[in-house]
Protein backbone atom coordinates (compact mmCIF):
# COMPACT_ATOMS: atom_id res chain seq x y z
CA MET A 1 44.12 -18.37 11.79
CA PRO A 2 40.85 -16.66 12.88
CA VAL A 3 38.83 -14.79 10.27
CA GLU A 4 39.13 -11.02 10.64
CA PRO A 5 35.79 -9.66 11.95
CA LYS A 6 33.97 -7.29 9.64
CA LEU A 7 32.81 -3.96 11.06
CA ALA A 8 29.03 -3.84 11.53
CA ALA A 9 26.29 -1.89 13.30
CA THR A 10 22.82 -2.74 14.56
CA VAL A 11 19.97 -0.57 15.86
CA ILE A 12 17.65 -1.35 18.76
CA LEU A 13 14.40 0.50 18.05
CA LEU A 14 12.37 1.45 21.14
CA ARG A 15 8.83 2.69 21.63
CA GLU A 16 6.67 3.29 24.69
CA ARG A 17 4.25 0.67 25.95
CA THR A 18 1.64 0.39 28.69
CA PRO A 19 2.90 -1.85 31.52
CA ASP A 20 1.08 -5.16 31.95
CA LEU A 21 -0.70 -4.77 35.29
CA GLU A 22 -1.61 -8.45 35.39
CA SER A 23 2.01 -9.57 35.42
CA ASP A 24 5.30 -8.48 36.94
CA ASP A 25 6.36 -6.81 33.69
CA ASP A 26 6.36 -3.09 34.55
CA CYS A 27 8.60 -2.09 31.65
CA GLU A 28 7.35 1.06 29.91
CA PHE A 29 8.99 0.39 26.56
CA GLU A 30 9.15 -2.33 23.96
CA VAL A 31 11.81 -3.41 21.49
CA PHE A 32 11.62 -4.14 17.76
CA MET A 33 13.01 -7.37 16.33
CA ALA A 34 12.67 -9.05 12.95
CA LYS A 35 13.00 -12.65 11.80
CA ARG A 36 15.76 -13.39 9.32
CA HIS A 37 14.90 -15.20 6.10
CA GLU A 38 15.08 -19.00 6.15
CA ASN A 39 17.60 -18.89 3.29
CA ALA A 40 19.91 -16.41 5.01
CA ARG A 41 23.58 -17.47 5.03
CA PHE A 42 23.97 -16.24 8.61
CA MET A 43 21.46 -16.70 11.48
CA SER A 44 18.62 -17.98 9.31
CA GLU A 45 15.19 -17.82 11.01
CA HIS A 46 16.64 -16.06 14.06
CA HIS A 47 15.17 -12.84 15.44
CA VAL A 48 17.57 -9.92 15.25
CA PHE A 49 17.77 -6.15 15.52
CA PRO A 50 18.06 -4.43 12.11
CA GLY A 51 21.67 -4.03 11.07
CA GLY A 52 24.54 -5.20 8.92
CA SER A 53 28.15 -4.75 7.90
CA ILE A 54 30.02 -1.77 6.53
CA ASP A 55 29.65 -0.84 2.88
CA GLU A 56 32.02 1.24 0.76
CA GLN A 57 29.50 4.10 0.69
CA ASP A 58 29.63 4.44 4.49
CA SER A 59 33.22 5.69 4.65
CA THR A 60 33.26 8.32 1.90
CA LYS A 61 34.11 11.97 2.54
CA GLU A 62 30.65 12.91 1.24
CA SER A 63 28.97 10.70 3.85
CA ARG A 64 31.11 11.99 6.71
CA ALA A 65 30.36 15.59 5.67
CA ARG A 66 26.63 14.93 6.16
CA LEU A 67 26.94 13.64 9.71
CA VAL A 68 25.81 16.10 12.41
CA GLY A 69 25.39 15.90 16.18
CA ILE A 70 28.44 13.73 16.78
CA ASN A 71 30.00 13.77 20.25
CA GLU A 72 33.77 14.02 19.82
CA ASN A 73 34.41 12.63 23.31
CA ILE A 74 32.56 9.46 22.39
CA ILE A 75 34.44 9.27 19.08
CA ASN A 76 37.76 9.48 20.92
CA ASN A 77 36.70 6.62 23.20
CA LEU A 78 35.91 4.39 20.22
CA LYS A 79 39.09 4.85 18.17
CA GLU A 80 40.42 1.37 18.87
CA ILE A 81 37.45 -0.02 16.91
CA CYS A 82 38.30 1.67 13.61
CA ASN A 83 40.15 4.66 12.19
CA ASP A 84 37.05 6.85 12.01
CA PRO A 85 34.35 5.74 14.49
CA SER A 86 31.91 8.30 13.07
CA ASN A 87 31.38 5.78 10.25
CA LEU A 88 29.56 3.58 12.77
CA TRP A 89 26.61 5.99 12.95
CA ILE A 90 26.47 6.08 9.15
CA ILE A 91 26.42 2.27 8.90
CA ALA A 92 23.66 2.08 11.51
CA THR A 93 21.51 4.69 9.73
CA ARG A 94 21.88 3.06 6.31
CA GLU A 95 21.21 -0.47 7.54
CA LEU A 96 18.13 0.57 9.49
CA PHE A 97 16.66 2.31 6.45
CA GLU A 98 17.64 -0.48 4.06
CA GLU A 99 16.28 -3.32 6.20
CA ALA A 100 13.34 -1.72 8.02
CA GLY A 101 12.49 1.45 6.06
CA ILE A 102 13.04 3.71 9.06
CA LEU A 103 14.88 6.94 8.30
CA ILE A 104 16.83 8.50 11.16
CA ALA A 105 17.94 11.88 9.88
CA THR A 106 17.53 15.60 10.46
CA ASN A 107 17.63 18.93 8.69
CA LYS A 108 20.70 21.12 9.12
CA SER A 109 19.26 22.85 12.18
CA GLY A 110 18.69 19.47 13.83
CA ASN A 111 14.92 19.78 14.12
CA SER A 112 13.05 17.41 11.83
CA LEU A 113 12.87 15.39 8.62
CA GLY A 114 10.51 17.87 7.01
CA LYS A 115 7.96 16.75 4.40
CA ILE A 116 9.64 13.46 3.49
CA GLU A 117 8.44 11.86 6.75
CA ASN A 118 4.84 12.27 5.56
CA LYS A 119 5.56 10.65 2.18
CA PRO A 120 5.79 6.88 2.85
CA LYS A 121 5.65 6.01 -0.86
CA LYS A 122 8.67 8.18 -1.57
CA LEU A 123 10.56 6.68 1.36
CA LYS A 124 9.74 3.20 0.08
CA LYS A 125 11.07 4.07 -3.40
CA TYR A 126 14.32 5.31 -1.90
CA GLN A 127 14.56 2.16 0.20
CA LYS A 128 14.14 -0.10 -2.84
CA LYS A 129 16.77 1.82 -4.81
CA LEU A 130 19.15 1.52 -1.88
CA GLN A 131 18.55 -2.23 -1.64
CA LYS A 132 19.35 -2.60 -5.35
CA ASN A 133 22.47 -0.40 -5.10
CA ARG A 134 20.96 2.17 -7.45
CA ILE A 135 21.49 4.95 -4.93
CA THR A 136 23.52 5.52 -1.77
CA MET A 137 22.19 6.55 1.61
CA THR A 138 24.09 9.82 1.30
CA ASP A 139 22.45 10.42 -2.09
CA VAL A 140 19.03 10.06 -0.44
CA LEU A 141 19.90 12.57 2.28
CA THR A 142 21.46 15.02 -0.19
CA LYS A 143 18.38 14.94 -2.43
CA GLU A 144 16.15 15.70 0.56
CA ASN A 145 18.57 18.23 2.11
CA LEU A 146 18.91 16.04 5.20
CA TYR A 147 21.81 14.85 7.38
CA TYR A 148 22.81 11.77 9.35
CA SER A 149 21.70 12.47 12.92
CA ALA A 150 24.22 11.04 15.38
CA SER A 151 22.37 12.51 18.35
CA ASN A 152 19.36 10.24 17.67
CA LEU A 153 21.47 7.07 17.81
CA LYS A 154 22.98 6.37 21.22
CA TYR A 155 25.96 4.02 21.41
CA PHE A 156 25.07 1.05 23.60
CA GLY A 157 27.75 -1.62 23.29
CA ARG A 158 29.96 -3.88 21.24
CA PHE A 159 30.06 -7.59 20.46
CA ILE A 160 32.72 -9.48 18.54
CA THR A 161 32.00 -12.92 17.11
CA PRO A 162 34.18 -15.67 18.63
CA GLU A 163 37.37 -16.58 16.83
CA LEU A 164 36.15 -20.12 16.09
CA SER A 165 33.33 -18.84 13.87
CA PRO A 166 33.88 -18.90 10.06
CA ILE A 167 31.82 -15.68 9.76
CA ARG A 168 32.79 -12.92 12.17
CA PHE A 169 31.53 -9.39 12.89
CA ASP A 170 32.68 -6.59 15.14
CA THR A 171 29.19 -5.21 15.81
CA GLN A 172 28.35 -1.89 17.43
CA PHE A 173 24.93 -1.65 19.08
CA PHE A 174 22.88 1.57 19.10
CA ILE A 175 19.58 2.43 20.76
CA CYS A 176 17.07 4.69 19.01
CA LYS A 177 13.54 5.96 19.67
CA PHE A 178 11.10 4.73 17.06
CA PRO A 179 9.84 7.69 14.96
CA LEU A 180 6.05 7.43 15.39
CA ASN A 181 5.33 9.17 12.06
CA GLN A 182 7.03 6.36 10.15
CA ASN A 183 6.12 2.74 9.45
CA ILE A 184 8.22 -0.43 9.44
CA ASN A 185 8.78 -1.66 5.90
CA LEU A 186 10.89 -4.82 5.93
CA PHE A 187 13.37 -5.83 3.25
CA TYR A 188 11.71 -9.20 2.67
CA GLU A 189 14.71 -10.75 0.96
CA GLU A 190 16.42 -10.60 4.36
CA LEU A 191 13.73 -10.14 7.03
CA THR A 192 10.32 -11.80 6.99
CA GLU A 193 8.44 -10.98 10.22
CA SER A 194 8.17 -8.01 12.60
CA LEU A 195 7.92 -8.41 16.36
CA TRP A 196 7.51 -5.87 19.18
CA GLY A 197 7.76 -6.79 22.83
CA SER A 198 9.21 -5.76 26.16
CA PRO A 199 12.66 -7.23 26.87
CA ARG A 200 11.06 -9.57 29.43
CA GLN A 201 8.42 -10.72 26.89
CA LEU A 202 11.01 -11.42 24.21
CA ILE A 203 13.20 -13.38 26.61
CA LYS A 204 10.14 -15.38 27.67
CA ASN A 205 9.34 -16.10 23.99
CA PHE A 206 12.88 -17.34 23.52
CA LYS A 207 12.75 -19.63 26.55
CA LYS A 208 9.46 -21.06 25.27
CA LYS A 209 11.21 -21.68 21.91
CA GLN A 210 8.77 -19.38 20.13
CA ILE A 211 11.67 -17.36 18.69
CA LYS A 212 15.36 -18.06 18.06
CA LEU A 213 18.08 -15.79 19.43
CA ILE A 214 21.85 -15.92 19.48
CA PHE A 215 23.90 -14.70 22.41
CA PRO A 216 24.33 -11.00 21.43
CA GLN A 217 20.58 -10.47 21.11
CA TYR A 218 19.77 -12.46 24.24
CA SER A 219 22.47 -10.67 26.24
CA THR A 220 21.28 -7.27 25.00
CA LEU A 221 17.67 -8.04 25.99
CA LYS A 222 18.85 -9.03 29.47
CA ARG A 223 20.68 -5.72 29.72
CA LEU A 224 17.63 -3.80 28.46
CA LYS A 225 15.45 -5.60 31.03
CA LYS A 226 17.22 -3.71 33.82
CA PHE A 227 15.58 -0.43 32.76
CA LYS A 228 11.99 0.66 33.21
CA THR A 229 11.77 3.65 30.86
CA ILE A 230 13.36 4.81 27.62
CA GLN A 231 14.64 7.92 29.38
CA GLU A 232 16.40 5.83 32.01
CA LEU A 233 17.93 3.68 29.28
CA PHE A 234 19.21 6.68 27.33
CA GLU A 235 20.67 8.26 30.44
CA ASN A 236 22.60 5.07 31.11
CA SER A 237 24.04 5.01 27.59
CA LYS A 238 25.53 8.51 27.74
CA ASN A 239 28.86 7.56 29.26
CA VAL A 240 30.85 5.51 26.79
CA SER A 241 34.07 4.13 28.21
CA SER A 242 36.20 1.01 28.04
CA HIS A 243 34.33 -0.24 31.12
CA ASN A 244 30.82 -0.28 29.67
CA ARG A 245 31.23 -0.66 25.94
CA LEU A 246 33.42 -3.68 25.40
CA ASN A 247 31.30 -6.79 25.73
CA VAL A 248 33.17 -9.44 23.79
CA PHE A 249 31.65 -12.91 23.49
């Protein structure tokens, strides 16, 4: 009998880039990936987008109460994935902060992170406590009077690990603009190297065997390659339906 896939979320961070005029790569954005630790139980030494599986803290009433900017139409279209699809945005936010030190959140009015964004040492302390299970993501936001910001994480697709695999995930992919006032701070017990590149560059690196990818990452990069700008990409991700969100491999 196939292993039941565990609910998971991953975040594709995007930032603007200058197109390479000496090549045919006119893409105006680049994508963040990180190399998994050589001792990782799953996908060791492969390049991935930051992410991971659901944790007990992600589905509490306290966490759900701190989620703002959610689109109820999108939630309704995702209800076959889990009982409360809003948890997916919470998983994505926590995993991104835990693995890469990037905090996607907002104040109650939906404007900014406030002073915490200019305090990298404080963010790093929170990140370490979260990694060691000394604090929850919702605790961090509550202490800083912040909220999970669903509007900053756009749903992009879904992949389910094949039934033959002994480790399976039902992973939801999100796209997110990289906050330029923050810095990547990897969780080195899980991720060891940072890499930015256009989708075309990353695919080229893979074909040259300079990086390792599994099908979900490779397929996502091929999909990202179709877009020239971040704006165009975000516009395409607005309409979530059974036709464009269920990519099962």
